[in-house]
Amino acid sequence: MIFSSLFFVNVSVIGQSKAKAEKQFLMELNTILKNAKQYHWDYEGKVSIDSPFTISKTGILSVTVRYNENGSLVRARMDAPVNKIKNVLYDLYLILEFEEPLVNIYTSKPGTFLLKKMENSQYFHIAAPIKDGYQQEKRLQQLLENLMKFYH
């Protein structure tokens, strides 16, 4: 009986640590996206956040944005399993890299809200940072490493 109660205490401590790691990782992703001037090279103009970065109970990272294409709004959604993220990359954009094309990319036709799966990719675009991208890459990589302890 004593062993049983100790077990439950340890499980709740681990759960809180995972929740904290997820919260910190998501907060950083959403801050980068919120402050970005550009989301992805395929999307013109100012991007607005439809649904911020979240992690589902099944471990799927997702985000949905809206952007203007020739005067019409277009929605774009990306999702992928957190446990398969390989690392963080930075060139002009901050990107989560996967070893295989596990990132599902959905877009709507201009002026509609219906998302249709378009392709799979190895790269989950976060956004073009407005601050020092190398520092943000380093911070995001550290937050990812802390999070991955709970996903492997």
Protein backbone atom coordinates (compact mmCIF):
# COMPACT_ATOMS: atom_id res chain seq x y z
CA MET A 1 0.00 0.00 0.00
CA ILE A 2 2.83 2.43 0.79
CA PHE A 3 4.49 1.61 -2.57
CA SER A 4 1.20 2.30 -4.35
CA SER A 5 0.83 5.80 -2.92
CA LEU A 6 4.46 6.64 -3.75
CA PHE A 7 3.87 5.52 -7.32
CA PHE A 8 0.94 7.93 -7.74
CA VAL A 9 2.97 10.84 -6.37
CA ASN A 10 5.77 10.18 -8.87
CA VAL A 11 3.36 9.96 -11.80
CA SER A 12 1.79 13.32 -10.98
CA VAL A 13 5.22 14.99 -10.70
CA ILE A 14 6.20 13.62 -14.12
CA GLY A 15 2.88 14.80 -15.60
CA GLN A 16 3.43 18.31 -14.28
CA SER A 17 6.94 18.42 -15.76
CA LYS A 18 5.67 17.32 -19.18
CA ALA A 19 2.89 19.93 -19.05
CA LYS A 20 5.44 22.61 -18.13
CA ALA A 21 7.80 21.56 -20.94
CA GLU A 22 4.92 21.61 -23.45
CA LYS A 23 3.76 25.01 -22.21
CA GLN A 24 7.24 26.55 -22.54
CA PHE A 25 7.79 25.07 -26.00
CA LEU A 26 4.38 26.23 -27.24
CA MET A 27 4.82 29.69 -25.72
CA GLU A 28 8.09 30.13 -27.61
CA LEU A 29 6.59 28.90 -30.90
CA ASN A 30 3.58 31.20 -30.55
CA THR A 31 5.72 34.20 -29.61
CA ILE A 32 7.88 33.70 -32.70
CA LEU A 33 4.80 33.32 -34.92
CA LYS A 34 2.98 36.30 -33.38
CA ASN A 35 5.96 38.62 -33.90
CA ALA A 36 6.98 37.33 -37.34
CA LYS A 37 6.81 39.43 -40.47
CA GLN A 38 6.49 36.36 -42.69
CA TYR A 39 5.33 32.80 -42.05
CA HIS A 40 6.47 30.91 -45.15
CA TRP A 41 7.86 31.89 -48.55
CA ASP A 42 4.72 30.55 -50.31
CA TYR A 43 2.46 33.00 -48.45
CA GLU A 44 2.24 36.67 -49.37
CA GLY A 45 1.46 39.53 -47.03
CA LYS A 46 0.68 39.61 -43.34
CA VAL A 47 -0.19 36.31 -41.74
CA SER A 48 -2.69 36.13 -38.90
CA ILE A 49 -3.07 33.28 -36.45
CA ASP A 50 -6.26 31.25 -36.84
CA SER A 51 -5.29 28.61 -34.23
CA PRO A 52 -2.02 29.01 -32.32
CA PHE A 53 0.49 26.20 -31.91
CA THR A 54 -0.96 23.46 -29.72
CA ILE A 55 -0.13 19.89 -28.78
CA SER A 56 -3.08 17.51 -28.69
CA LYS A 57 -3.56 14.79 -26.08
CA THR A 58 -2.29 12.33 -28.70
CA GLY A 59 0.96 14.28 -29.14
CA ILE A 60 0.24 16.09 -32.41
CA LEU A 61 1.67 19.59 -32.84
CA SER A 62 -0.50 21.85 -35.00
CA VAL A 63 -1.00 25.44 -36.10
CA THR A 64 -3.43 27.16 -38.49
CA VAL A 65 -2.79 30.56 -40.06
CA ARG A 66 -4.60 32.86 -42.49
CA TYR A 67 -3.01 34.99 -45.16
CA ASN A 68 -4.11 37.17 -48.04
CA GLU A 69 -3.71 35.83 -51.57
CA ASN A 70 -4.78 38.21 -54.34
CA GLY A 71 -7.35 39.88 -52.10
CA SER A 72 -8.84 36.65 -50.70
CA LEU A 73 -8.15 34.94 -47.40
CA VAL A 74 -6.49 31.52 -47.50
CA ARG A 75 -6.08 29.20 -44.51
CA ALA A 76 -3.08 26.92 -44.02
CA ARG A 77 -2.66 24.22 -41.39
CA MET A 78 0.31 22.06 -40.48
CA ASP A 79 0.39 19.15 -38.06
CA ALA A 80 2.90 16.46 -37.12
CA PRO A 81 3.79 14.11 -34.24
CA VAL A 82 5.91 15.76 -31.56
CA ASN A 83 7.81 12.54 -30.83
CA LYS A 84 9.25 12.52 -34.36
CA ILE A 85 10.78 16.02 -34.35
CA LYS A 86 14.47 15.67 -35.16
CA ASN A 87 15.71 19.21 -34.46
CA VAL A 88 15.32 22.95 -35.05
CA LEU A 89 16.76 24.58 -38.18
CA TYR A 90 17.27 28.22 -39.08
CA ASP A 91 18.06 29.87 -42.39
CA LEU A 92 15.58 32.64 -43.21
CA TYR A 93 12.86 30.76 -41.30
CA LEU A 94 12.76 28.79 -38.09
CA ILE A 95 11.79 25.22 -38.95
CA LEU A 96 11.19 21.97 -37.08
CA GLU A 97 12.87 19.17 -39.01
CA PHE A 98 11.68 15.55 -39.23
CA GLU A 99 13.61 12.55 -40.59
CA GLU A 100 10.79 11.69 -42.97
CA PRO A 101 7.80 13.56 -44.45
CA LEU A 102 5.47 13.41 -41.43
CA VAL A 103 4.27 17.00 -41.55
CA ASN A 104 0.75 17.18 -43.00
CA ILE A 105 0.08 20.40 -44.88
CA TYR A 106 -3.49 21.52 -45.54
CA THR A 107 -4.65 24.65 -47.37
CA SER A 108 -7.96 26.14 -48.40
CA LYS A 109 -8.85 27.65 -51.74
CA PRO A 110 -8.95 31.46 -51.67
CA GLY A 111 -12.12 32.73 -50.02
CA THR A 112 -13.10 29.40 -48.42
CA PHE A 113 -12.44 27.89 -45.01
CA LEU A 114 -12.45 24.22 -46.04
CA LEU A 115 -8.95 22.80 -45.61
CA LYS A 116 -7.72 20.13 -48.01
CA LYS A 117 -4.58 18.05 -47.51
CA MET A 118 -2.06 19.14 -50.10
CA GLU A 119 1.21 17.41 -49.26
CA ASN A 120 3.57 15.98 -46.67
CA SER A 121 6.92 17.46 -45.78
CA GLN A 122 9.94 16.92 -43.57
CA TYR A 123 9.78 20.58 -42.50
CA PHE A 124 7.32 22.27 -40.14
CA HIS A 125 7.66 26.02 -40.71
CA ILE A 126 7.38 28.22 -37.64
CA ALA A 127 8.05 31.68 -39.13
CA ALA A 128 10.74 34.15 -40.10
CA PRO A 129 12.04 35.60 -36.82
CA ILE A 130 12.28 39.34 -36.38
CA LYS A 131 14.96 39.13 -33.70
CA ASP A 132 18.26 37.27 -33.88
CA GLY A 133 17.20 33.99 -35.47
CA TYR A 134 20.27 32.12 -34.26
CA GLN A 135 19.48 32.95 -30.64
CA GLN A 136 15.85 31.94 -31.12
CA GLU A 137 16.97 28.71 -32.81
CA LYS A 138 19.24 27.94 -29.84
CA ARG A 139 16.48 28.67 -27.29
CA LEU A 140 13.88 26.67 -29.22
CA GLN A 141 16.31 23.73 -29.58
CA GLN A 142 16.83 23.71 -25.79
CA LEU A 143 13.07 23.80 -25.16
CA LEU A 144 12.63 20.99 -27.69
CA GLU A 145 15.28 18.87 -25.95
CA ASN A 146 13.52 19.40 -22.61
CA LEU A 147 10.20 18.40 -24.18
CA MET A 148 11.56 15.34 -25.99
CA LYS A 149 12.54 13.75 -22.67
CA PHE A 150 8.80 13.07 -22.25
CA TYR A 151 8.20 11.83 -25.80
CA HIS A 152 10.89 9.14 -26.21
